[in-house]
């Protein structure tokens, strides 16, 4: 049976398509993994991907991706996949999500992959009914082809989950392994929100025994407040599955009460609605 703490990409024996039970989606999410070589342009300390490397994905077999998604949906919609593999309380399809083992938008074929997913969903009469989501670090929004893919995703009735874990450059370097410029993050997030409904997704945890500081919380709220009317909301979540990175021993899951307190602080300071997944 699938579970929320097991998001293996090979659970269905396929190359690009993998089903998971998602806490945040609330049921079965049909994952699309374009980064089959475990390569990403970020290196988040909490990442569950084993043997994570820096870089982009190999060329995408778009026909193969389309065939895999068609076959899986046939089993999930018309077959007995749900009964065989999914706990009773989660037996509902919630979305098709570009996520996987790296940054999906780093694939040159990203926009075409979105189009192929739309084509398959239309075939199953699910286009506009089953949301298409993109889970992204947002770092490549300056690319025209990435914007085209996100715009198309929005036209499908989908949405983007845009990662912002920390705003302070020092903290972002430690948590995400990147040199982050807050102004650039703001511009990319603003652009994304104009192309498709956009949620911010934030992983909140203690590092080296220390919870994020008041200054870190303030910087986070100040970055997002000007976009309050343009964002769909914030997904604030804690550590659920073990990190496969060298820093794993330095991470500590925070109590649900602490995440709820930060969610209340965000809403009070920005007016943005926040959903919490401890």
Protein backbone atom coordinates (compact mmCIF):
# COMPACT_ATOMS: atom_id res chain seq x y z
CA UNK A 1 0.00 0.00 0.00
CA UNK A 2 1.11 3.54 -0.73
CA UNK A 3 1.54 5.85 2.25
CA UNK A 4 2.34 9.48 2.98
CA UNK A 5 5.84 8.59 4.23
CA UNK A 6 6.85 6.59 1.13
CA UNK A 7 7.15 8.57 -2.09
CA UNK A 8 9.33 6.20 -4.12
CA UNK A 9 9.50 7.17 -7.78
CA UNK A 10 9.49 3.52 -8.91
CA UNK A 11 6.32 2.53 -7.05
CA UNK A 12 4.48 1.78 -10.32
CA UNK A 13 7.48 0.32 -12.16
CA UNK A 14 7.49 3.21 -14.63
CA UNK A 15 10.17 5.68 -15.70
CA UNK A 16 8.34 9.00 -15.54
CA UNK A 17 5.04 8.36 -13.76
CA UNK A 18 4.74 7.51 -10.08
CA UNK A 19 1.69 7.62 -7.76
CA UNK A 20 1.98 8.84 -4.17
CA UNK A 21 -0.40 9.51 -1.31
CA UNK A 22 0.12 13.22 -0.70
CA UNK A 23 -0.53 14.93 2.64
CA UNK A 24 -0.92 18.34 1.02
CA UNK A 25 -2.99 17.17 -1.96
CA UNK A 26 -5.21 15.03 0.27
CA UNK A 27 -5.26 11.82 -1.80
CA UNK A 28 -3.43 10.21 -4.71
CA UNK A 29 -1.11 12.51 -6.61
CA UNK A 30 0.12 11.21 -9.97
CA UNK A 31 3.71 12.37 -10.05
CA UNK A 32 5.65 13.21 -13.21
CA UNK A 33 9.39 12.81 -12.71
CA UNK A 34 11.37 14.50 -15.48
CA UNK A 35 14.64 14.34 -13.49
CA UNK A 36 15.23 10.61 -13.74
CA UNK A 37 18.97 11.08 -13.15
CA UNK A 38 18.40 12.56 -9.65
CA UNK A 39 19.86 15.90 -10.75
CA UNK A 40 18.67 19.29 -9.50
CA UNK A 41 19.94 22.86 -9.63
CA UNK A 42 19.27 23.14 -5.86
CA UNK A 43 20.48 20.93 -3.02
CA UNK A 44 17.96 21.22 -0.18
CA UNK A 45 19.13 19.72 3.10
CA UNK A 46 15.78 17.95 3.65
CA UNK A 47 15.56 16.39 0.16
CA UNK A 48 14.42 12.75 0.13
CA UNK A 49 16.19 11.95 -3.16
CA UNK A 50 19.05 9.50 -2.79
CA UNK A 51 22.30 10.20 -4.65
CA UNK A 52 21.18 13.75 -5.44
CA UNK A 53 23.51 15.53 -7.85
CA UNK A 54 23.71 19.00 -9.36
CA UNK A 55 22.56 19.52 -12.93
CA UNK A 56 19.61 19.01 -15.24
CA UNK A 57 17.73 15.99 -16.60
CA UNK A 58 18.56 13.82 -19.61
CA UNK A 59 16.43 14.22 -22.78
CA UNK A 60 12.78 13.41 -22.14
CA UNK A 61 11.05 10.66 -24.13
CA UNK A 62 7.78 12.53 -24.59
CA UNK A 63 6.05 9.63 -26.35
CA UNK A 64 7.08 7.34 -23.51
CA UNK A 65 5.80 9.81 -20.94
CA UNK A 66 2.46 10.04 -22.71
CA UNK A 67 2.13 6.27 -22.92
CA UNK A 68 2.98 5.78 -19.25
CA UNK A 69 0.45 8.35 -18.08
CA UNK A 70 -2.25 6.89 -20.33
CA UNK A 71 -1.61 3.40 -19.04
CA UNK A 72 -1.57 4.45 -15.41
CA UNK A 73 -4.77 6.48 -15.66
CA UNK A 74 -6.50 3.57 -17.37
CA UNK A 75 -5.65 1.41 -14.34
CA UNK A 76 -6.51 4.12 -11.80
CA UNK A 77 -9.79 5.23 -13.42
CA UNK A 78 -11.08 2.02 -14.99
CA UNK A 79 -9.02 -0.68 -13.25
CA UNK A 80 -8.44 -1.78 -9.65
CA UNK A 81 -5.32 0.25 -8.83
CA UNK A 82 -7.02 2.12 -5.99
CA UNK A 83 -8.18 -1.07 -4.32
CA UNK A 84 -4.79 -2.76 -4.74
CA UNK A 85 -2.45 0.03 -3.75
CA UNK A 86 -4.22 2.86 -1.89
CA UNK A 87 -5.53 3.02 1.70
CA UNK A 88 -9.34 3.43 1.78
CA UNK A 89 -9.22 6.97 3.16
CA UNK A 90 -7.08 8.19 0.22
CA UNK A 91 -8.80 6.49 -2.74
CA UNK A 92 -9.32 9.56 -4.87
CA UNK A 93 -7.24 11.12 -7.63
CA UNK A 94 -6.24 14.64 -6.63
CA UNK A 95 -3.85 15.88 -9.28
CA UNK A 96 -1.10 15.25 -11.79
CA UNK A 97 2.02 16.87 -10.37
CA UNK A 98 5.30 17.75 -12.04
CA UNK A 99 7.65 17.09 -9.14
CA UNK A 100 10.05 14.16 -9.03
CA UNK A 101 13.77 13.99 -8.31
CA UNK A 102 14.83 17.49 -9.31
CA UNK A 103 13.61 20.80 -10.71
CA UNK A 104 11.03 19.97 -13.42
CA UNK A 105 11.44 23.25 -15.30
CA UNK A 106 15.11 22.50 -15.92
CA UNK A 107 14.03 20.10 -18.68
CA UNK A 108 14.09 21.83 -22.10
CA UNK A 109 11.00 19.77 -22.96
CA UNK A 110 9.03 21.02 -19.94
CA UNK A 111 6.44 23.00 -21.92
CA UNK A 112 5.87 20.12 -24.34
CA UNK A 113 5.57 17.70 -21.42
CA UNK A 114 2.79 19.90 -19.99
CA UNK A 115 1.06 19.79 -23.37
CA UNK A 116 1.31 15.98 -23.49
CA UNK A 117 -0.21 15.69 -20.02
CA UNK A 118 -3.08 17.92 -21.12
CA UNK A 119 -3.60 15.72 -24.17
CA UNK A 120 -3.85 12.58 -22.03
CA UNK A 121 -6.20 14.18 -19.52
CA UNK A 122 -8.47 15.32 -22.35
CA UNK A 123 -8.56 11.73 -23.64
CA UNK A 124 -9.82 10.57 -20.22
CA UNK A 125 -12.22 13.54 -19.97
CA UNK A 126 -10.26 14.79 -16.96
CA UNK A 127 -8.87 18.03 -18.38
CA UNK A 128 -10.11 20.86 -16.19
CA UNK A 129 -11.34 18.33 -13.60
CA UNK A 130 -8.05 16.81 -12.41
CA UNK A 131 -5.67 19.69 -11.64
CA UNK A 132 -2.19 19.77 -13.12
CA UNK A 133 0.31 21.08 -10.57
CA UNK A 134 3.93 22.16 -10.86
CA UNK A 135 6.10 21.89 -7.76
CA UNK A 136 9.07 24.15 -8.44
CA UNK A 137 11.82 26.15 -6.80
CA UNK A 138 10.93 28.98 -9.19
CA UNK A 139 14.52 29.69 -10.11
CA UNK A 140 14.05 29.36 -13.88
CA UNK A 141 11.00 31.59 -14.39
CA UNK A 142 13.13 33.94 -16.51
CA UNK A 143 13.14 31.33 -19.31
CA UNK A 144 10.53 31.94 -22.00
CA UNK A 145 9.87 28.21 -22.43
CA UNK A 146 9.24 27.81 -18.70
CA UNK A 147 6.77 30.68 -18.77
CA UNK A 148 5.03 29.06 -21.75
CA UNK A 149 4.65 25.79 -19.86
CA UNK A 150 3.26 27.48 -16.76
CA UNK A 151 0.86 29.59 -18.82
CA UNK A 152 -0.45 26.44 -20.47
CA UNK A 153 -0.75 24.74 -17.11
CA UNK A 154 -2.85 27.67 -15.93
CA UNK A 155 -5.07 27.32 -18.99
CA UNK A 156 -5.65 23.69 -17.98
CA UNK A 157 -7.01 24.90 -14.64
CA UNK A 158 -3.80 23.92 -12.86
CA UNK A 159 -1.61 25.69 -10.35
CA UNK A 160 1.98 26.16 -9.21
CA UNK A 161 3.51 25.38 -5.81
CA UNK A 162 6.48 27.75 -5.61
CA UNK A 163 9.15 26.88 -3.04
CA UNK A 164 10.34 29.58 -0.63
CA UNK A 165 11.88 28.07 2.49
CA UNK A 166 14.05 30.96 3.67
CA UNK A 167 14.53 34.53 2.47
CA UNK A 168 17.77 35.51 4.20
CA UNK A 169 20.69 34.69 1.82
CA UNK A 170 22.74 32.97 4.50
CA UNK A 171 19.83 30.79 5.62
CA UNK A 172 18.85 29.98 2.02
CA UNK A 173 22.41 28.93 1.25
CA UNK A 174 22.35 26.57 4.21
CA UNK A 175 18.84 25.19 3.63
CA UNK A 176 18.60 25.16 -0.18
CA UNK A 177 22.26 25.19 -1.22
CA UNK A 178 21.88 28.26 -3.44
CA UNK A 179 22.87 31.90 -3.57
CA UNK A 180 19.46 33.47 -3.22
CA UNK A 181 18.64 37.09 -4.06
CA UNK A 182 15.34 38.11 -2.48
CA UNK A 183 14.53 40.63 -5.21
CA UNK A 184 14.88 37.95 -7.88
CA UNK A 185 12.69 35.55 -5.92
CA UNK A 186 10.06 38.27 -5.65
CA UNK A 187 10.15 38.99 -9.39
CA UNK A 188 9.90 35.31 -10.30
CA UNK A 189 7.04 34.74 -7.86
CA UNK A 190 5.19 37.80 -9.17
CA UNK A 191 5.66 36.59 -12.75
CA UNK A 192 4.50 33.08 -11.87
CA UNK A 193 1.36 34.36 -10.14
CA UNK A 194 0.47 36.21 -13.34
CA UNK A 195 0.70 33.02 -15.41
CA UNK A 196 -1.17 30.53 -13.20
CA UNK A 197 -2.69 30.34 -9.72
CA UNK A 198 0.29 30.12 -7.38
CA UNK A 199 0.82 28.82 -3.86
CA UNK A 200 4.02 29.35 -1.91
CA UNK A 201 5.29 26.14 -0.31
CA UNK A 202 7.55 26.40 2.71
CA UNK A 203 9.32 23.66 4.67
CA UNK A 204 9.77 24.80 8.28
CA UNK A 205 12.10 22.94 10.64
CA UNK A 206 14.93 23.35 13.13
CA UNK A 207 18.51 23.22 11.89
CA UNK A 208 21.32 22.36 14.30
CA UNK A 209 18.75 22.46 17.09
CA UNK A 210 17.72 26.05 16.32
CA UNK A 211 14.30 27.08 15.03
CA UNK A 212 14.13 29.86 12.41
CA UNK A 213 14.62 33.21 14.11
CA UNK A 214 12.19 36.10 14.50
CA UNK A 215 14.24 37.95 11.90
CA UNK A 216 13.80 35.03 9.47
CA UNK A 217 10.03 35.03 10.02
CA UNK A 218 9.89 38.81 9.53
CA UNK A 219 11.88 38.70 6.27
CA UNK A 220 9.62 35.94 4.97
CA UNK A 221 6.44 37.91 5.69
CA UNK A 222 7.86 41.13 4.27
CA UNK A 223 8.73 39.43 0.98
CA UNK A 224 5.26 37.96 0.51
CA UNK A 225 3.03 40.76 1.83
CA UNK A 226 3.09 42.89 -1.38
CA UNK A 227 1.80 39.87 -3.34
CA UNK A 228 -0.95 38.95 -0.90
CA UNK A 229 -3.77 39.68 -3.32
CA UNK A 230 -2.13 37.70 -6.12
CA UNK A 231 -1.24 34.49 -4.29
CA UNK A 232 -3.62 31.57 -3.79
CA UNK A 233 -2.11 30.87 -0.38
CA UNK A 234 0.80 29.28 1.46
CA UNK A 235 1.45 25.61 2.14
CA UNK A 236 3.47 25.52 5.38
CA UNK A 237 4.72 22.04 6.13
CA UNK A 238 7.12 20.19 8.39
CA UNK A 239 9.46 17.27 7.93
CA UNK A 240 7.56 14.05 7.22
CA UNK A 241 10.03 11.77 5.45
CA UNK A 242 13.72 11.31 6.26
CA UNK A 243 16.28 13.38 4.40
CA UNK A 244 18.73 11.44 2.24
CA UNK A 245 21.31 14.24 2.32
CA UNK A 246 24.52 14.47 4.39
CA UNK A 247 22.91 17.09 6.65
CA UNK A 248 20.06 14.78 7.70
CA UNK A 249 21.27 14.47 11.30
CA UNK A 250 21.16 18.27 11.68
CA UNK A 251 17.42 18.49 11.00
CA UNK A 252 14.67 18.39 13.63
CA UNK A 253 10.94 18.26 13.05
CA UNK A 254 9.05 21.06 14.79
CA UNK A 255 5.93 20.50 16.91
CA UNK A 256 2.61 21.12 15.18
CA UNK A 257 1.93 23.96 17.62
CA UNK A 258 5.00 25.83 16.43
CA UNK A 259 4.00 25.56 12.77
CA UNK A 260 0.48 26.70 13.64
CA UNK A 261 1.89 29.69 15.51
CA UNK A 262 3.97 30.71 12.50
CA UNK A 263 0.95 30.25 10.23
CA UNK A 264 -1.03 32.61 12.46
CA UNK A 265 1.84 35.12 12.35
CA UNK A 266 1.97 34.96 8.55
CA UNK A 267 -1.76 35.50 8.19
CA UNK A 268 -1.75 38.39 10.67
CA UNK A 269 1.16 40.17 8.95
CA UNK A 270 0.29 39.48 5.32
CA UNK A 271 -3.39 38.55 5.10
CA UNK A 272 -2.47 35.43 3.11
CA UNK A 273 -4.28 32.22 3.98
CA UNK A 274 -2.03 29.42 5.21
CA UNK A 275 -2.60 25.66 5.24
CA UNK A 276 -0.46 23.67 7.67
CA UNK A 277 0.82 20.10 7.28
CA UNK A 278 2.94 19.27 10.35
